[in-house]
Protein backbone atom coordinates (compact mmCIF):
# COMPACT_ATOMS: atom_id res chain seq x y z
CA UNK A 1 -12.44 -9.50 -0.94
CA UNK A 2 -10.80 -6.09 -1.16
CA UNK A 3 -9.90 -4.31 2.06
CA UNK A 4 -10.02 -0.50 1.78
CA UNK A 5 -8.42 1.72 4.39
CA UNK A 6 -8.46 5.52 4.35
CA UNK A 7 -5.15 6.62 5.78
CA UNK A 8 -4.33 9.38 8.21
CA UNK A 9 -1.05 10.22 6.58
CA UNK A 10 0.46 13.25 4.91
CA UNK A 11 1.81 10.92 2.19
CA UNK A 12 -0.83 8.21 1.63
CA UNK A 13 -4.55 8.86 1.20
CA UNK A 14 -5.94 5.33 0.82
CA UNK A 15 -4.89 1.71 0.45
CA UNK A 16 -6.76 -1.15 -1.17
CA UNK A 17 -5.60 -4.75 -0.71
CA UNK A 18 -6.99 -7.83 -2.45
CA UNK A 19 -6.16 -10.95 -0.42
CA UNK A 20 -6.85 -13.36 -3.27
CA UNK A 21 -4.53 -11.72 -5.78
CA UNK A 22 -2.14 -10.17 -3.22
CA UNK A 23 -2.53 -6.86 -5.01
CA UNK A 24 -1.95 -3.63 -3.13
CA UNK A 25 -3.12 -0.30 -4.53
CA UNK A 26 -1.94 2.87 -2.88
CA UNK A 27 -3.47 6.25 -3.56
CA UNK A 28 -1.07 9.01 -2.58
CA UNK A 29 -2.12 12.41 -1.35
CA UNK A 30 -0.99 13.96 -4.65
CA UNK A 31 -3.70 11.92 -6.41
CA UNK A 32 -1.43 9.33 -8.04
CA UNK A 33 -2.39 5.68 -7.60
CA UNK A 34 0.04 2.78 -7.95
CA UNK A 35 -0.58 -0.98 -7.97
CA UNK A 36 1.89 -3.46 -6.46
CA UNK A 37 1.41 -7.14 -7.30
CA UNK A 38 2.51 -10.11 -5.20
CA UNK A 39 2.47 -8.34 -1.84
CA UNK A 40 2.10 -11.02 0.87
CA UNK A 41 -0.53 -10.49 3.55
CA UNK A 42 2.21 -10.33 6.22
CA UNK A 43 3.94 -7.44 4.42
CA UNK A 44 0.63 -5.63 3.94
CA UNK A 45 -0.22 -6.07 7.63
CA UNK A 46 3.18 -4.73 8.70
CA UNK A 47 2.67 -1.76 6.37
CA UNK A 48 -0.81 -0.76 7.57
CA UNK A 49 -0.05 -1.28 11.26
CA UNK A 50 3.08 0.85 11.16
CA UNK A 51 2.88 4.16 13.06
CA UNK A 52 4.35 5.88 9.97
CA UNK A 53 2.79 4.61 6.73
CA UNK A 54 5.12 6.76 4.64
CA UNK A 55 8.21 5.33 6.30
CA UNK A 56 6.79 1.81 6.07
CA UNK A 57 6.08 2.31 2.37
CA UNK A 58 9.70 3.31 1.74
CA UNK A 59 11.02 0.36 3.77
CA UNK A 60 8.57 -2.47 2.99
CA UNK A 61 6.91 -1.79 -0.34
CA UNK A 62 8.90 0.48 -2.65
CA UNK A 63 12.24 -1.42 -2.63
CA UNK A 64 10.65 -4.89 -2.92
CA UNK A 65 7.75 -4.50 -5.36
CA UNK A 66 7.54 -2.84 -8.75
CA UNK A 67 4.72 -0.33 -8.86
CA UNK A 68 2.56 0.38 -11.88
CA UNK A 69 0.63 3.63 -12.09
CA UNK A 70 -3.10 3.07 -12.61
């Protein structure tokens, strides 16, 4: 099952997370979309529940997971 969340962020437009494959896709407000593999559910939950998704992305996702543009 893929969870899709439209973001209210000046940096991130939408996130898609597949629990089975632990794949996170982030669509940025500039239109670019990146896929991050192996993102644990706990990291994803911390990311989407953060008051600042942009800050959370730079702290939780970007330094720990290699992104591939899709």
